[in-house]
Amino acid sequence: MAEWSLIDGRFGAFVVAITLLSLTPGVDTLLVMRNTARGGVGDGVATSLAIGCGLFVHAAVSALGISLILLQSAAAFGALKVAGAAYLVWLGVQSLLAMRRGQGLAVEGAADGRGKAGRLQAVREGLVSNVLNPKTVVFYMAFLPQFIAPEDPALVKSLWLAGVHFAIANAWQIAVALMVGRAARFLASARVARALNGLTGSVLIGFGIKLALEQRP
């Protein structure tokens, strides 16, 4: 069996690229902010960890070649895109409905009685939004192979790189959750809550519509 290494000369370039990607505002960061504002820092952290778990799913399917099948099949890729777009729109609609209710955001924790059910909802939303994101499918399929040598075990190396991505992305997203959590009193205002729910709902719906209209790469 050929020798291989988890860290080689290309690892630094991978870390820089993944860090820049993680810091770029997008659906993941917005979802962490939304769920932190809705249910507290615990929900934000749970959302971030769940989003990160989705990266391992993408790494595995990329290494096993399933992503290639999706990219080559217009129908399969289109179905994934529609599902992902519909889910983002659904999340956005939920935020707009919360805006209509006009309640303050319980950032201090599960003061609204959400408890364990709320935490599970945050996990589900984070995981599903990432797994159904066709952009991540394309990114992992095009990006990861550049850092996997022919002699490397593709699945193990892909999961290792996803683990690095998981750590970097969560460091940023959990920091975002903590920052939102520190604004608890400000976000507890019904007026601020309506504005935040309206903004996040509109942006999530916008992301969903943009995703649905994008052409297959």
Protein backbone atom coordinates (compact mmCIF):
# COMPACT_ATOMS: atom_id res chain seq x y z
CA MET A 1 0.00 0.00 0.00
CA ALA A 2 1.40 3.39 -0.97
CA GLU A 3 2.28 5.81 1.81
CA TRP A 4 0.15 8.87 2.27
CA SER A 5 -0.09 11.77 4.68
CA LEU A 6 -2.94 13.68 6.28
CA ILE A 7 -0.90 16.87 6.02
CA ASP A 8 1.19 17.70 2.96
CA GLY A 9 2.39 20.74 1.05
CA ARG A 10 -1.11 21.55 -0.15
CA PHE A 11 -2.69 21.56 3.29
CA GLY A 12 -1.92 25.22 3.94
CA ALA A 13 -3.68 26.24 0.74
CA PHE A 14 -6.67 24.13 1.74
CA VAL A 15 -6.89 25.79 5.18
CA VAL A 16 -6.71 29.29 3.66
CA ALA A 17 -9.38 28.50 1.07
CA ILE A 18 -11.72 26.87 3.59
CA THR A 19 -11.26 29.72 6.08
CA LEU A 20 -12.18 32.32 3.46
CA LEU A 21 -15.17 30.22 2.43
CA SER A 22 -16.34 29.88 6.04
CA LEU A 23 -16.06 33.61 6.71
CA THR A 24 -18.08 34.51 3.62
CA PRO A 25 -21.66 35.38 4.68
CA GLY A 26 -24.19 32.89 3.40
CA VAL A 27 -27.04 30.58 4.34
CA ASP A 28 -25.07 28.80 7.08
CA THR A 29 -24.15 31.97 8.96
CA LEU A 30 -27.65 33.38 8.53
CA LEU A 31 -29.25 30.19 9.83
CA VAL A 32 -27.00 30.16 12.90
CA MET A 33 -27.92 33.80 13.61
CA ARG A 34 -31.62 33.12 13.10
CA ASN A 35 -31.73 30.06 15.37
CA THR A 36 -29.63 31.74 18.06
CA ALA A 37 -32.02 34.68 18.07
CA ARG A 38 -34.99 32.33 18.17
CA GLY A 39 -33.90 29.85 20.84
CA GLY A 40 -30.66 30.98 22.48
CA VAL A 41 -26.96 30.30 22.11
CA GLY A 42 -27.53 26.57 22.62
CA ASP A 43 -29.73 26.42 19.52
CA GLY A 44 -27.16 28.40 17.56
CA VAL A 45 -24.35 26.04 18.55
CA ALA A 46 -26.52 23.01 17.76
CA THR A 47 -27.32 24.47 14.33
CA SER A 48 -23.64 25.10 13.64
CA LEU A 49 -22.60 21.57 14.64
CA ALA A 50 -25.38 20.07 12.52
CA ILE A 51 -24.32 22.14 9.51
CA GLY A 52 -20.79 20.84 10.04
CA CYS A 53 -22.02 17.24 10.15
CA GLY A 54 -23.48 17.77 6.70
CA LEU A 55 -19.95 18.37 5.42
CA PHE A 56 -19.03 14.76 6.20
CA VAL A 57 -22.01 13.61 4.15
CA HIS A 58 -20.80 15.66 1.18
CA ALA A 59 -17.23 14.44 1.62
CA ALA A 60 -18.37 10.82 1.65
CA VAL A 61 -20.61 11.08 -1.41
CA SER A 62 -17.89 12.99 -3.25
CA ALA A 63 -15.30 10.32 -2.51
CA LEU A 64 -17.69 7.54 -3.47
CA GLY A 65 -18.53 9.21 -6.77
CA ILE A 66 -22.19 9.91 -6.07
CA SER A 67 -21.62 13.63 -6.58
CA LEU A 68 -20.31 12.89 -10.06
CA ILE A 69 -23.54 11.06 -10.86
CA LEU A 70 -25.55 14.04 -9.64
CA LEU A 71 -23.50 16.44 -11.73
CA GLN A 72 -23.85 14.30 -14.86
CA SER A 73 -27.59 13.72 -14.41
CA ALA A 74 -29.64 16.83 -15.11
CA ALA A 75 -32.74 15.27 -13.53
CA ALA A 76 -30.99 14.20 -10.31
CA PHE A 77 -29.20 17.51 -9.89
CA GLY A 78 -32.38 19.43 -10.69
CA ALA A 79 -34.32 17.47 -8.07
CA LEU A 80 -31.66 18.20 -5.45
CA LYS A 81 -31.66 21.89 -6.38
CA VAL A 82 -35.45 22.17 -6.15
CA ALA A 83 -35.50 20.37 -2.80
CA GLY A 84 -32.81 22.64 -1.39
CA ALA A 85 -34.47 25.79 -2.73
CA ALA A 86 -37.87 24.73 -1.37
CA TYR A 87 -36.39 24.10 2.06
CA LEU A 88 -34.76 27.53 2.19
CA VAL A 89 -38.03 29.16 1.15
CA TRP A 90 -39.87 27.18 3.83
CA LEU A 91 -37.41 28.38 6.49
CA GLY A 92 -37.89 31.94 5.25
CA VAL A 93 -41.67 31.65 5.43
CA GLN A 94 -41.38 30.42 9.03
CA SER A 95 -39.40 33.55 9.90
CA LEU A 96 -41.98 35.79 8.21
CA LEU A 97 -44.76 34.08 10.16
CA ALA A 98 -42.80 34.71 13.35
CA MET A 99 -42.54 38.36 12.30
CA ARG A 100 -46.32 38.54 12.04
CA ARG A 101 -46.68 37.16 15.56
CA GLY A 102 -44.48 40.03 16.72
CA GLN A 103 -42.98 38.32 19.77
CA GLY A 104 -39.60 39.15 21.28
CA LEU A 105 -36.81 36.64 20.72
CA ALA A 106 -35.91 34.41 23.65
CA VAL A 107 -32.15 34.69 23.23
CA GLU A 108 -31.48 33.98 26.91
CA GLY A 109 -32.39 30.33 26.33
CA ALA A 110 -35.47 28.19 26.02
CA ALA A 111 -37.59 30.64 27.99
CA ASP A 112 -40.44 30.05 25.58
CA GLY A 113 -40.69 26.39 26.56
CA ARG A 114 -39.05 25.07 23.39
CA GLY A 115 -36.58 22.96 25.40
CA LYS A 116 -35.37 19.72 23.84
CA ALA A 117 -37.82 19.90 20.94
CA GLY A 118 -36.45 23.30 19.95
CA ARG A 119 -32.87 22.02 20.08
CA LEU A 120 -33.77 19.07 17.86
CA GLN A 121 -35.45 21.44 15.42
CA ALA A 122 -32.27 23.52 15.26
CA VAL A 123 -30.21 20.39 14.56
CA ARG A 124 -32.62 19.24 11.86
CA GLU A 125 -32.66 22.63 10.14
CA GLY A 126 -28.87 22.91 10.14
CA LEU A 127 -28.28 19.39 8.83
CA VAL A 128 -31.00 19.39 6.17
CA SER A 129 -30.12 22.84 4.84
CA ASN A 130 -26.50 21.77 4.33
CA VAL A 131 -27.15 18.30 2.91
CA LEU A 132 -29.70 19.67 0.41
CA ASN A 133 -27.40 22.47 -0.74
CA PRO A 134 -26.29 21.60 -4.31
CA LYS A 135 -23.62 24.29 -4.13
CA THR A 136 -21.83 22.25 -1.48
CA VAL A 137 -22.11 19.15 -3.69
CA VAL A 138 -20.45 21.03 -6.55
CA PHE A 139 -17.83 22.62 -4.29
CA TYR A 140 -16.74 19.36 -2.69
CA MET A 141 -16.70 17.51 -5.99
CA ALA A 142 -14.55 20.18 -7.66
CA PHE A 143 -12.42 21.25 -4.69
CA LEU A 144 -11.51 18.20 -2.59
CA PRO A 145 -9.88 16.15 -5.39
CA GLN A 146 -7.22 18.87 -5.73
CA PHE A 147 -5.94 17.90 -2.28
CA ILE A 148 -6.14 14.13 -2.65
CA ALA A 149 -3.18 12.38 -4.26
CA PRO A 150 -3.73 9.27 -6.41
CA GLU A 151 -2.14 7.05 -3.74
CA ASP A 152 -4.36 8.43 -0.95
CA PRO A 153 -7.41 6.46 0.24
CA ALA A 154 -10.02 8.82 -1.18
CA LEU A 155 -12.75 8.31 1.44
CA VAL A 156 -10.46 8.63 4.46
CA LYS A 157 -8.69 11.70 3.07
CA SER A 158 -12.01 13.33 2.10
CA LEU A 159 -13.40 12.81 5.59
CA TRP A 160 -10.18 14.20 7.11
CA LEU A 161 -10.44 17.34 4.99
CA ALA A 162 -14.12 17.66 5.89
CA GLY A 163 -13.07 17.43 9.54
CA VAL A 164 -10.73 20.40 9.07
CA HIS A 165 -13.55 22.31 7.38
CA PHE A 166 -15.87 21.32 10.25
CA ALA A 167 -13.47 22.76 12.85
CA ILE A 168 -12.87 26.04 11.02
CA ALA A 169 -16.51 26.62 10.11
CA ASN A 170 -17.72 25.89 13.63
CA ALA A 171 -15.11 28.17 15.19
CA TRP A 172 -16.58 31.02 13.16
CA GLN A 173 -20.26 30.08 13.42
CA ILE A 174 -20.16 29.47 17.17
CA ALA A 175 -18.44 32.84 17.59
CA VAL A 176 -21.35 34.35 15.65
CA ALA A 177 -23.83 32.56 17.93
CA LEU A 178 -22.06 33.93 21.01
CA MET A 179 -22.10 37.46 19.59
CA VAL A 180 -25.82 37.22 18.88
CA GLY A 181 -26.33 35.80 22.36
CA ARG A 182 -24.64 38.83 23.92
CA ALA A 183 -27.28 41.01 22.29
CA ALA A 184 -30.05 39.22 24.19
CA ARG A 185 -31.71 42.27 25.70
CA PHE A 186 -31.65 44.14 22.41
CA LEU A 187 -33.16 41.20 20.52
CA ALA A 188 -35.82 40.67 23.19
CA SER A 189 -37.58 43.80 21.92
CA ALA A 190 -40.68 42.90 19.92
CA ARG A 191 -39.87 45.62 17.38
CA VAL A 192 -36.32 44.36 16.87
CA ALA A 193 -37.61 40.77 16.71
CA ARG A 194 -40.05 41.66 13.94
CA ALA A 195 -37.32 43.44 11.99
CA LEU A 196 -34.86 40.56 12.37
CA ASN A 197 -37.44 37.90 11.49
CA GLY A 198 -38.54 39.94 8.48
CA LEU A 199 -34.96 40.42 7.30
CA THR A 200 -33.86 36.82 7.77
CA GLY A 201 -37.08 35.49 6.27
CA SER A 202 -36.73 37.66 3.19
CA VAL A 203 -33.06 36.78 2.73
CA LEU A 204 -33.68 33.05 3.12
CA ILE A 205 -36.50 33.19 0.58
CA GLY A 206 -34.21 35.20 -1.70
CA PHE A 207 -31.49 32.56 -1.36
CA GLY A 208 -34.03 29.87 -2.19
CA ILE A 209 -35.33 31.65 -5.28
CA LYS A 210 -31.79 32.41 -6.46
CA LEU A 211 -30.83 28.75 -6.01
CA ALA A 212 -33.91 27.57 -7.91
CA LEU A 213 -33.16 29.86 -10.87
CA GLU A 214 -29.46 29.07 -11.13
CA GLN A 215 -28.38 27.07 -14.14
CA ARG A 216 -26.78 23.66 -13.66
CA PRO A 217 -22.95 23.94 -13.69
